[in-house]
Amino acid sequence: MASREVVETRVLGVARVLWLAFVLVACVLPLFYMLLLSVRPLQAVLQDPLGLPSLGELNLAAYRRVVASPDDGGYGLLSFFGNSLLVALGSVVATVLLSVLGAYAATRLRFPGKNVVNVSFFAVYMFPGIVMAIPLFVLFSRLGLRGELPALIVIYLASTVPVSVYMLRNYFRSIPQGLEDAAMVDGCNRAQVIVRIVLPLAMPAIAATSLYVFMIAWNEYLFALLFLLERRDNWTVSLGLAQLDDISVSATVLMAGSVLLTLPVVALFFAAERLLVEGLTAGAEKG
C-alpha cells in the first residue's frame, strides 16, 4: 500500500501537469485562432468560423491590405511600424541608461534621504497613467511638442524609469561589491567600474528590463491617442490597429493587424529567453 506522501506526490504531479496544460491551451489557443483567421478568406470564415482551413484556402490578402498605403486601398500599418519602432527603441535606450545609473546610485552610493528615494521610485509607478494625462497634455501643447514622437518618448520615460530602477536595483544588490572594490584598487574610477564590471554582470537584468520597456512603448495606446491623433503620419502601430476596430473592417483584416502587432514582442522574447530567465530570477536571492 502506497504511503500518504507517495499518494500526495502523485496527485500533485498529475494536478501540475493538468494545470500547465490548461494554461498552455488558454494562452496558445487564442493566438492560434487569430493566426488562422488572418490567413482565411472572409467568405470561408463567415460560412464556418471555427473550421480549419485547407491548404488551398490559405492566402495573405488580409496582410497585404493591412500594410498597403491608403492610396492603394489599404490601411498603411507598415508606416506606423516605423514610428512605433523609433519610439520603442528610443524609450529602451533612454530608460536603460537612466535606470542603470539610478539603480547603481541607489544601491552603492551613500547620500541623505537614500531610503526615501528608493521608496519613491516604486511609489511613482503606483500612480495610474490617466492622472498624468491632462497635465502632460497641457504642458506639451504649450511647448509645441504635441504630435511629435520625441514627446511620446519623454512621456514613456516618466512611467518606465521608476519601475526599471526598482527592477535593476534588486539585481545590482546580488553583485558582490568586492569585485568593484578590486577594480577600483586596480585603478578604475566609478564610471569604468560600471562599464567594465557592473554592466556585463547585469546584462540578464538589463535584457529583462529592456523587453519590459519595449512592450510598454510598443503596445501603449492612451498617450499615443492623446498626443498623436492629429498627426496621422506620426501614428504608432497601436493607433493604426485601432482604426481597424470598425464594423466596415473584416475580421480577417483585423486579425492580420493583430498578428503583426504581436510578432515583434514574441520574437524578442524568444530571442532573449535565456537572458530573461536569468534576469528575472538571479536578483531574487538578495535585496
C-alpha atoms as a PDB file:
ATOM      1  CA  MET A   1       0.000   0.000   0.000  1.00  0.00           C
ATOM      2  CA  ALA A   2       1.396   3.380  -1.008  1.00  0.00           C
ATOM      3  CA  SER A   3       2.190   5.815   1.747  1.00  0.00           C
ATOM      4  CA  ARG A   4       0.412   9.123   2.123  1.00  0.00           C
ATOM      5  CA  GLU A   5       3.476  11.014   0.935  1.00  0.00           C
ATOM      6  CA  VAL A   6       3.676   8.970  -2.274  1.00  0.00           C
ATOM      7  CA  VAL A   7      -0.047   9.459  -2.972  1.00  0.00           C
ATOM      8  CA  GLU A   8       0.199  13.221  -2.419  1.00  0.00           C
ATOM      9  CA  THR A   9       3.254  13.437  -4.654  1.00  0.00           C
ATOM     10  CA  ARG A  10       1.495  11.597  -7.474  1.00  0.00           C
ATOM     11  CA  VAL A  11      -1.706  13.601  -7.127  1.00  0.00           C
ATOM     12  CA  LEU A  12       0.193  16.889  -7.098  1.00  0.00           C
ATOM     13  CA  GLY A  13       2.230  15.751 -10.103  1.00  0.00           C
ATOM     14  CA  VAL A  14      -0.915  14.980 -12.108  1.00  0.00           C
ATOM     15  CA  ALA A  15      -2.556  18.239 -10.974  1.00  0.00           C
ATOM     16  CA  ARG A  16       0.515  20.204 -12.041  1.00  0.00           C
ATOM     17  CA  VAL A  17       0.514  18.635 -15.496  1.00  0.00           C
ATOM     18  CA  LEU A  18      -3.219  19.312 -15.917  1.00  0.00           C
ATOM     19  CA  TRP A  19      -2.787  22.916 -14.764  1.00  0.00           C
ATOM     20  CA  LEU A  20       0.130  23.534 -17.124  1.00  0.00           C
ATOM     21  CA  ALA A  21      -1.865  22.010 -19.993  1.00  0.00           C
ATOM     22  CA  PHE A  22      -4.814  24.272 -19.168  1.00  0.00           C
ATOM     23  CA  VAL A  23      -2.612  27.386 -19.047  1.00  0.00           C
ATOM     24  CA  LEU A  24      -0.935  26.401 -22.321  1.00  0.00           C
ATOM     25  CA  VAL A  25      -4.257  25.931 -24.090  1.00  0.00           C
ATOM     26  CA  ALA A  26      -5.659  29.162 -22.643  1.00  0.00           C
ATOM     27  CA  CYS A  27      -2.623  31.145 -23.865  1.00  0.00           C
ATOM     28  CA  VAL A  28      -1.914  29.465 -27.200  1.00  0.00           C
ATOM     29  CA  LEU A  29      -5.420  28.748 -28.484  1.00  0.00           C
ATOM     30  CA  PRO A  30      -6.490  32.414 -28.913  1.00  0.00           C
ATOM     31  CA  LEU A  31      -3.234  33.220 -30.710  1.00  0.00           C
ATOM     32  CA  PHE A  32      -3.592  30.158 -32.942  1.00  0.00           C
ATOM     33  CA  TYR A  33      -7.188  31.053 -33.802  1.00  0.00           C
ATOM     34  CA  MET A  34      -6.171  34.645 -34.525  1.00  0.00           C
ATOM     35  CA  LEU A  35      -3.494  33.385 -36.914  1.00  0.00           C
ATOM     36  CA  LEU A  36      -5.951  31.048 -38.653  1.00  0.00           C
ATOM     37  CA  LEU A  37      -8.490  33.823 -39.178  1.00  0.00           C
ATOM     38  CA  SER A  38      -5.858  36.106 -40.664  1.00  0.00           C
ATOM     39  CA  VAL A  39      -4.973  33.642 -43.452  1.00  0.00           C
ATOM     40  CA  ARG A  40      -8.508  32.529 -44.372  1.00  0.00           C
ATOM     41  CA  PRO A  41     -10.797  34.184 -46.933  1.00  0.00           C
ATOM     42  CA  LEU A  42     -13.603  36.210 -45.389  1.00  0.00           C
ATOM     43  CA  GLN A  43     -16.281  34.142 -47.113  1.00  0.00           C
ATOM     44  CA  ALA A  44     -14.880  30.918 -45.647  1.00  0.00           C
ATOM     45  CA  VAL A  45     -14.786  32.470 -42.171  1.00  0.00           C
ATOM     46  CA  LEU A  46     -18.425  33.550 -42.429  1.00  0.00           C
ATOM     47  CA  GLN A  47     -19.512  30.082 -43.516  1.00  0.00           C
ATOM     48  CA  ASP A  48     -17.513  28.170 -40.898  1.00  0.00           C
ATOM     49  CA  PRO A  49     -15.885  30.429 -38.256  1.00  0.00           C
ATOM     50  CA  LEU A  50     -14.408  27.554 -36.229  1.00  0.00           C
ATOM     51  CA  GLY A  51     -13.317  25.363 -39.124  1.00  0.00           C
ATOM     52  CA  LEU A  52      -9.732  24.562 -40.041  1.00  0.00           C
ATOM     53  CA  PRO A  53      -8.688  25.911 -43.440  1.00  0.00           C
ATOM     54  CA  SER A  54      -7.486  23.713 -46.248  1.00  0.00           C
ATOM     55  CA  LEU A  55      -4.151  24.438 -47.927  1.00  0.00           C
ATOM     56  CA  GLY A  56      -5.986  25.841 -50.926  1.00  0.00           C
ATOM     57  CA  GLU A  57      -7.771  28.411 -48.749  1.00  0.00           C
ATOM     58  CA  LEU A  58      -4.664  29.908 -47.218  1.00  0.00           C
ATOM     59  CA  ASN A  59      -3.815  33.370 -48.511  1.00  0.00           C
ATOM     60  CA  LEU A  60      -2.153  36.574 -47.352  1.00  0.00           C
ATOM     61  CA  ALA A  61      -4.670  39.016 -48.828  1.00  0.00           C
ATOM     62  CA  ALA A  62      -5.560  40.402 -45.387  1.00  0.00           C
ATOM     63  CA  TYR A  63      -1.892  41.116 -44.626  1.00  0.00           C
ATOM     64  CA  ARG A  64      -1.395  42.842 -47.964  1.00  0.00           C
ATOM     65  CA  ARG A  65      -4.375  45.076 -47.315  1.00  0.00           C
ATOM     66  CA  VAL A  66      -3.220  45.912 -43.795  1.00  0.00           C
ATOM     67  CA  VAL A  67       0.272  47.032 -44.823  1.00  0.00           C
ATOM     68  CA  ALA A  68      -0.733  48.728 -48.106  1.00  0.00           C
ATOM     69  CA  SER A  69      -0.930  52.524 -48.124  1.00  0.00           C
ATOM     70  CA  PRO A  70      -4.346  54.255 -48.047  1.00  0.00           C
ATOM     71  CA  ASP A  71      -3.764  55.372 -51.642  1.00  0.00           C
ATOM     72  CA  ASP A  72      -3.652  51.695 -52.632  1.00  0.00           C
ATOM     73  CA  GLY A  73      -6.789  50.804 -50.697  1.00  0.00           C
ATOM     74  CA  GLY A  74      -5.021  49.641 -47.552  1.00  0.00           C
ATOM     75  CA  TYR A  75      -4.608  50.896 -44.003  1.00  0.00           C
ATOM     76  CA  GLY A  76      -0.923  51.898 -44.002  1.00  0.00           C
ATOM     77  CA  LEU A  77       0.070  49.849 -40.972  1.00  0.00           C
ATOM     78  CA  LEU A  78       3.589  49.378 -42.330  1.00  0.00           C
ATOM     79  CA  SER A  79       4.415  53.068 -41.993  1.00  0.00           C
ATOM     80  CA  PHE A  80       3.146  53.041 -38.421  1.00  0.00           C
ATOM     81  CA  PHE A  81       5.527  50.205 -37.616  1.00  0.00           C
ATOM     82  CA  GLY A  82       8.456  52.530 -38.281  1.00  0.00           C
ATOM     83  CA  ASN A  83       7.087  55.123 -35.862  1.00  0.00           C
ATOM     84  CA  SER A  84       6.483  52.525 -33.161  1.00  0.00           C
ATOM     85  CA  LEU A  85       9.943  51.063 -33.642  1.00  0.00           C
ATOM     86  CA  LEU A  86      11.524  54.505 -33.289  1.00  0.00           C
ATOM     87  CA  VAL A  87       9.545  55.265 -30.128  1.00  0.00           C
ATOM     88  CA  ALA A  88      10.122  51.818 -28.590  1.00  0.00           C
ATOM     89  CA  LEU A  89      13.869  51.710 -29.253  1.00  0.00           C
ATOM     90  CA  GLY A  90      14.312  55.314 -28.141  1.00  0.00           C
ATOM     91  CA  SER A  91      12.423  54.562 -24.935  1.00  0.00           C
ATOM     92  CA  VAL A  92      14.517  51.443 -24.311  1.00  0.00           C
ATOM     93  CA  VAL A  93      17.861  53.194 -24.780  1.00  0.00           C
ATOM     94  CA  ALA A  94      16.943  56.238 -22.688  1.00  0.00           C
ATOM     95  CA  THR A  95      15.249  54.219 -19.940  1.00  0.00           C
ATOM     96  CA  VAL A  96      18.079  51.698 -19.605  1.00  0.00           C
ATOM     97  CA  LEU A  97      20.693  54.458 -19.495  1.00  0.00           C
ATOM     98  CA  LEU A  98      18.887  56.413 -16.784  1.00  0.00           C
ATOM     99  CA  SER A  99      17.804  53.315 -14.871  1.00  0.00           C
ATOM    100  CA  VAL A 100      21.284  51.786 -14.730  1.00  0.00           C
ATOM    101  CA  LEU A 101      22.732  54.986 -13.292  1.00  0.00           C
ATOM    102  CA  GLY A 102      19.814  55.455 -10.898  1.00  0.00           C
ATOM    103  CA  ALA A 103      19.801  51.844  -9.708  1.00  0.00           C
ATOM    104  CA  TYR A 104      23.556  51.848  -9.197  1.00  0.00           C
ATOM    105  CA  ALA A 105      23.382  55.067  -7.185  1.00  0.00           C
ATOM    106  CA  ALA A 106      20.514  53.699  -5.085  1.00  0.00           C
ATOM    107  CA  THR A 107      22.469  50.502  -4.413  1.00  0.00           C
ATOM    108  CA  ARG A 108      26.090  51.544  -3.944  1.00  0.00           C
ATOM    109  CA  LEU A 109      26.258  55.256  -3.124  1.00  0.00           C
ATOM    110  CA  ARG A 110      25.502  56.868   0.204  1.00  0.00           C
ATOM    111  CA  PHE A 111      23.568  60.131   0.341  1.00  0.00           C
ATOM    112  CA  PRO A 112      20.981  61.806   2.615  1.00  0.00           C
ATOM    113  CA  GLY A 113      17.425  60.542   2.072  1.00  0.00           C
ATOM    114  CA  LYS A 114      18.552  57.394   0.262  1.00  0.00           C
ATOM    115  CA  ASN A 115      15.782  55.225   1.699  1.00  0.00           C
ATOM    116  CA  VAL A 116      13.123  57.811   0.850  1.00  0.00           C
ATOM    117  CA  VAL A 117      14.366  57.995  -2.724  1.00  0.00           C
ATOM    118  CA  ASN A 118      14.330  54.215  -3.058  1.00  0.00           C
ATOM    119  CA  VAL A 119      10.720  54.021  -1.885  1.00  0.00           C
ATOM    120  CA  SER A 120       9.718  56.978  -4.063  1.00  0.00           C
ATOM    121  CA  PHE A 121      10.920  55.255  -7.235  1.00  0.00           C
ATOM    122  CA  PHE A 122       8.374  52.492  -6.832  1.00  0.00           C
ATOM    123  CA  ALA A 123       5.666  54.757  -5.352  1.00  0.00           C
ATOM    124  CA  VAL A 124       5.642  56.842  -8.536  1.00  0.00           C
ATOM    125  CA  TYR A 125       4.806  53.725 -10.536  1.00  0.00           C
ATOM    126  CA  MET A 126       1.679  53.177  -8.424  1.00  0.00           C
ATOM    127  CA  PHE A 127       0.015  56.275  -9.853  1.00  0.00           C
ATOM    128  CA  PRO A 128      -2.246  55.436 -12.836  1.00  0.00           C
ATOM    129  CA  GLY A 129      -1.204  56.936 -16.145  1.00  0.00           C
ATOM    130  CA  ILE A 130      -4.509  58.744 -16.579  1.00  0.00           C
ATOM    131  CA  VAL A 131      -3.582  61.002 -13.635  1.00  0.00           C
ATOM    132  CA  MET A 132      -0.711  62.474 -15.662  1.00  0.00           C
ATOM    133  CA  ALA A 133      -2.606  62.683 -18.947  1.00  0.00           C
ATOM    134  CA  ILE A 134      -4.163  66.158 -18.628  1.00  0.00           C
ATOM    135  CA  PRO A 135      -1.123  67.940 -17.079  1.00  0.00           C
ATOM    136  CA  LEU A 136       1.176  66.428 -19.707  1.00  0.00           C
ATOM    137  CA  PHE A 137      -1.233  67.326 -22.488  1.00  0.00           C
ATOM    138  CA  VAL A 138      -1.313  70.972 -21.363  1.00  0.00           C
ATOM    139  CA  LEU A 139       2.455  71.102 -20.867  1.00  0.00           C
ATOM    140  CA  PHE A 140       3.404  69.661 -24.255  1.00  0.00           C
ATOM    141  CA  SER A 141       0.749  71.727 -26.021  1.00  0.00           C
ATOM    142  CA  ARG A 142       2.293  74.904 -24.639  1.00  0.00           C
ATOM    143  CA  LEU A 143       5.761  73.696 -25.598  1.00  0.00           C
ATOM    144  CA  GLY A 144       4.578  72.965 -29.142  1.00  0.00           C
ATOM    145  CA  LEU A 145       5.538  69.289 -28.871  1.00  0.00           C
ATOM    146  CA  ARG A 146       2.080  67.762 -29.221  1.00  0.00           C
ATOM    147  CA  GLY A 147       2.053  65.343 -32.124  1.00  0.00           C
ATOM    148  CA  GLU A 148       5.816  64.761 -32.021  1.00  0.00           C
ATOM    149  CA  LEU A 149       7.383  61.343 -31.413  1.00  0.00           C
ATOM    150  CA  PRO A 150      10.164  62.642 -29.073  1.00  0.00           C
ATOM    151  CA  ALA A 151       7.462  63.966 -26.739  1.00  0.00           C
ATOM    152  CA  LEU A 152       5.970  60.478 -26.560  1.00  0.00           C
ATOM    153  CA  ILE A 153       9.371  59.036 -25.626  1.00  0.00           C
ATOM    154  CA  VAL A 154       9.694  61.540 -22.767  1.00  0.00           C
ATOM    155  CA  ILE A 155       6.243  60.536 -21.502  1.00  0.00           C
ATOM    156  CA  TYR A 156       7.150  56.845 -21.565  1.00  0.00           C
ATOM    157  CA  LEU A 157      10.317  57.609 -19.605  1.00  0.00           C
ATOM    158  CA  ALA A 158       8.209  59.023 -16.788  1.00  0.00           C
ATOM    159  CA  SER A 159       6.287  55.754 -16.487  1.00  0.00           C
ATOM    160  CA  THR A 160       9.070  53.221 -17.126  1.00  0.00           C
ATOM    161  CA  VAL A 161      12.140  54.641 -15.347  1.00  0.00           C
ATOM    162  CA  PRO A 162      10.811  54.237 -11.758  1.00  0.00           C
ATOM    163  CA  VAL A 163       9.937  50.549 -12.076  1.00  0.00           C
ATOM    164  CA  SER A 164      13.075  49.884 -14.138  1.00  0.00           C
ATOM    165  CA  VAL A 165      15.218  51.360 -11.366  1.00  0.00           C
ATOM    166  CA  TYR A 166      13.376  49.157  -8.889  1.00  0.00           C
ATOM    167  CA  MET A 167      13.994  46.039 -11.011  1.00  0.00           C
ATOM    168  CA  LEU A 168      17.690  46.746 -11.598  1.00  0.00           C
ATOM    169  CA  ARG A 169      18.340  47.767  -8.008  1.00  0.00           C
ATOM    170  CA  ASN A 170      17.490  44.291  -6.716  1.00  0.00           C
ATOM    171  CA  TYR A 171      19.818  42.724  -9.274  1.00  0.00           C
ATOM    172  CA  PHE A 172      22.694  45.095  -8.511  1.00  0.00           C
ATOM    173  CA  ARG A 173      22.452  44.067  -4.864  1.00  0.00           C
ATOM    174  CA  SER A 174      23.278  40.489  -5.871  1.00  0.00           C
ATOM    175  CA  ILE A 175      26.570  41.567  -7.484  1.00  0.00           C
ATOM    176  CA  PRO A 176      29.432  41.187  -4.966  1.00  0.00           C
ATOM    177  CA  GLN A 177      30.773  44.594  -4.056  1.00  0.00           C
ATOM    178  CA  GLY A 178      34.218  43.035  -3.660  1.00  0.00           C
ATOM    179  CA  LEU A 179      34.506  42.874  -7.457  1.00  0.00           C
ATOM    180  CA  GLU A 180      34.032  46.628  -7.693  1.00  0.00           C
ATOM    181  CA  ASP A 181      36.429  47.292  -4.821  1.00  0.00           C
ATOM    182  CA  ALA A 182      39.092  45.153  -6.502  1.00  0.00           C
ATOM    183  CA  ALA A 183      38.635  47.042  -9.775  1.00  0.00           C
ATOM    184  CA  MET A 184      38.988  50.396  -8.000  1.00  0.00           C
ATOM    185  CA  VAL A 185      42.145  49.178  -6.275  1.00  0.00           C
ATOM    186  CA  ASP A 186      43.497  48.359  -9.738  1.00  0.00           C
ATOM    187  CA  GLY A 187      42.934  51.973 -10.795  1.00  0.00           C
ATOM    188  CA  CYS A 188      39.404  52.029 -12.250  1.00  0.00           C
ATOM    189  CA  ASN A 189      37.225  55.008 -11.486  1.00  0.00           C
ATOM    190  CA  ARG A 190      33.487  54.765 -10.795  1.00  0.00           C
ATOM    191  CA  ALA A 191      32.475  55.072 -14.456  1.00  0.00           C
ATOM    192  CA  GLN A 192      34.938  52.374 -15.529  1.00  0.00           C
ATOM    193  CA  VAL A 193      33.648  50.065 -12.798  1.00  0.00           C
ATOM    194  CA  ILE A 194      30.109  50.454 -14.092  1.00  0.00           C
ATOM    195  CA  VAL A 195      31.087  49.859 -17.739  1.00  0.00           C
ATOM    196  CA  ARG A 196      33.629  47.041 -17.217  1.00  0.00           C
ATOM    197  CA  ILE A 197      32.249  45.219 -14.188  1.00  0.00           C
ATOM    198  CA  VAL A 198      28.613  46.030 -13.441  1.00  0.00           C
ATOM    199  CA  LEU A 199      27.127  46.160 -16.938  1.00  0.00           C
ATOM    200  CA  PRO A 200      28.492  42.785 -18.155  1.00  0.00           C
ATOM    201  CA  LEU A 201      27.310  41.060 -14.970  1.00  0.00           C
ATOM    202  CA  ALA A 202      23.934  42.810 -15.076  1.00  0.00           C
ATOM    203  CA  MET A 203      23.232  42.034 -18.734  1.00  0.00           C
ATOM    204  CA  PRO A 204      20.442  39.496 -17.957  1.00  0.00           C
ATOM    205  CA  ALA A 205      18.611  42.047 -15.812  1.00  0.00           C
ATOM    206  CA  ILE A 206      19.141  44.747 -18.436  1.00  0.00           C
ATOM    207  CA  ALA A 207      17.686  42.428 -21.084  1.00  0.00           C
ATOM    208  CA  ALA A 208      14.602  41.772 -18.942  1.00  0.00           C
ATOM    209  CA  THR A 209      14.181  45.481 -18.274  1.00  0.00           C
ATOM    210  CA  SER A 210      14.634  46.332 -21.948  1.00  0.00           C
ATOM    211  CA  LEU A 211      11.924  43.894 -23.004  1.00  0.00           C
ATOM    212  CA  TYR A 212       9.588  45.297 -20.367  1.00  0.00           C
ATOM    213  CA  VAL A 213      10.141  48.860 -21.615  1.00  0.00           C
ATOM    214  CA  PHE A 214       9.824  47.761 -25.256  1.00  0.00           C
ATOM    215  CA  MET A 215       6.463  46.104 -24.583  1.00  0.00           C
ATOM    216  CA  ILE A 216       5.159  49.193 -22.784  1.00  0.00           C
ATOM    217  CA  ALA A 217       6.230  51.561 -25.571  1.00  0.00           C
ATOM    218  CA  TRP A 218       5.144  49.209 -28.376  1.00  0.00           C
ATOM    219  CA  ASN A 219       1.638  48.468 -27.066  1.00  0.00           C
ATOM    220  CA  GLU A 220       0.775  51.728 -25.287  1.00  0.00           C
ATOM    221  CA  TYR A 221      -2.376  53.380 -26.613  1.00  0.00           C
ATOM    222  CA  LEU A 222      -3.668  56.090 -24.250  1.00  0.00           C
ATOM    223  CA  PHE A 223      -0.858  58.643 -24.565  1.00  0.00           C
ATOM    224  CA  ALA A 224      -0.344  57.846 -28.252  1.00  0.00           C
ATOM    225  CA  LEU A 225      -4.012  58.641 -28.851  1.00  0.00           C
ATOM    226  CA  LEU A 226      -3.867  61.769 -26.744  1.00  0.00           C
ATOM    227  CA  PHE A 227      -0.734  63.273 -28.302  1.00  0.00           C
ATOM    228  CA  LEU A 228      -0.582  61.905 -31.859  1.00  0.00           C
ATOM    229  CA  LEU A 229      -4.198  61.771 -33.038  1.00  0.00           C
ATOM    230  CA  GLU A 230      -3.904  64.991 -35.039  1.00  0.00           C
ATOM    231  CA  ARG A 231      -0.731  63.810 -36.841  1.00  0.00           C
ATOM    232  CA  ARG A 232      -1.584  60.649 -38.772  1.00  0.00           C
ATOM    233  CA  ASP A 233       1.915  60.498 -40.253  1.00  0.00           C
ATOM    234  CA  ASN A 234       3.271  60.072 -36.694  1.00  0.00           C
ATOM    235  CA  TRP A 235       0.780  57.439 -35.573  1.00  0.00           C
ATOM    236  CA  THR A 236       2.138  54.394 -33.768  1.00  0.00           C
ATOM    237  CA  VAL A 237       1.072  50.871 -34.657  1.00  0.00           C
ATOM    238  CA  SER A 238      -1.384  50.729 -31.736  1.00  0.00           C
ATOM    239  CA  LEU A 239      -3.238  53.729 -33.169  1.00  0.00           C
ATOM    240  CA  GLY A 240      -3.108  52.201 -36.623  1.00  0.00           C
ATOM    241  CA  LEU A 241      -4.593  48.976 -35.309  1.00  0.00           C
ATOM    242  CA  ALA A 242      -7.388  50.879 -33.540  1.00  0.00           C
ATOM    243  CA  GLN A 243      -8.649  52.139 -36.897  1.00  0.00           C
ATOM    244  CA  LEU A 244      -9.366  48.524 -37.841  1.00  0.00           C
ATOM    245  CA  ASP A 245     -11.863  48.216 -34.981  1.00  0.00           C
ATOM    246  CA  ASP A 246     -14.749  49.228 -37.179  1.00  0.00           C
ATOM    247  CA  ILE A 247     -17.795  47.391 -38.446  1.00  0.00           C
ATOM    248  CA  SER A 248     -16.720  48.057 -42.028  1.00  0.00           C
ATOM    249  CA  VAL A 249     -13.384  46.249 -41.500  1.00  0.00           C
ATOM    250  CA  SER A 250     -13.458  42.485 -41.928  1.00  0.00           C
ATOM    251  CA  ALA A 251     -12.403  40.172 -39.113  1.00  0.00           C
ATOM    252  CA  THR A 252      -9.605  38.716 -41.231  1.00  0.00           C
ATOM    253  CA  VAL A 253      -8.009  42.137 -41.714  1.00  0.00           C
ATOM    254  CA  LEU A 254      -8.335  42.924 -38.004  1.00  0.00           C
ATOM    255  CA  MET A 255      -6.704  39.607 -37.086  1.00  0.00           C
ATOM    256  CA  ALA A 256      -3.891  40.198 -39.585  1.00  0.00           C
ATOM    257  CA  GLY A 257      -3.150  43.548 -37.969  1.00  0.00           C
ATOM    258  CA  SER A 258      -3.230  41.956 -34.518  1.00  0.00           C
ATOM    259  CA  VAL A 259      -0.754  39.270 -35.597  1.00  0.00           C
ATOM    260  CA  LEU A 260       1.629  41.883 -36.972  1.00  0.00           C
ATOM    261  CA  LEU A 261       1.373  43.878 -33.740  1.00  0.00           C
ATOM    262  CA  THR A 262       2.184  40.789 -31.651  1.00  0.00           C
ATOM    263  CA  LEU A 263       5.060  39.340 -33.686  1.00  0.00           C
ATOM    264  CA  PRO A 264       7.884  41.756 -32.669  1.00  0.00           C
ATOM    265  CA  VAL A 265       7.355  41.225 -28.939  1.00  0.00           C
ATOM    266  CA  VAL A 266       7.092  37.439 -29.322  1.00  0.00           C
ATOM    267  CA  ALA A 267      10.234  37.355 -31.475  1.00  0.00           C
ATOM    268  CA  LEU A 268      12.183  39.431 -28.946  1.00  0.00           C
ATOM    269  CA  PHE A 269      11.022  37.210 -26.107  1.00  0.00           C
ATOM    270  CA  PHE A 270      12.237  34.015 -27.756  1.00  0.00           C
ATOM    271  CA  ALA A 271      15.486  35.646 -28.898  1.00  0.00           C
ATOM    272  CA  ALA A 272      16.341  36.770 -25.356  1.00  0.00           C
ATOM    273  CA  GLU A 273      14.666  33.941 -23.432  1.00  0.00           C
ATOM    274  CA  ARG A 274      17.829  32.775 -21.648  1.00  0.00           C
ATOM    275  CA  LEU A 275      18.790  36.268 -20.539  1.00  0.00           C
ATOM    276  CA  LEU A 276      15.234  36.968 -19.418  1.00  0.00           C
ATOM    277  CA  VAL A 277      15.078  33.921 -17.168  1.00  0.00           C
ATOM    278  CA  GLU A 278      18.421  34.813 -15.593  1.00  0.00           C
ATOM    279  CA  GLY A 279      17.429  38.443 -15.181  1.00  0.00           C
ATOM    280  CA  LEU A 280      14.101  37.663 -13.525  1.00  0.00           C
ATOM    281  CA  THR A 281      15.489  35.108 -11.063  1.00  0.00           C
ATOM    282  CA  ALA A 282      19.135  35.906 -10.270  1.00  0.00           C
ATOM    283  CA  GLY A 283      18.354  39.084  -8.341  1.00  0.00           C
ATOM    284  CA  ALA A 284      15.841  37.330  -6.101  1.00  0.00           C
ATOM    285  CA  GLU A 285      18.468  35.904  -3.746  1.00  0.00           C
ATOM    286  CA  LYS A 286      19.353  39.251  -2.240  1.00  0.00           C
ATOM    287  CA  GLY A 287      17.551  42.541  -1.653  1.00  0.00           C
END
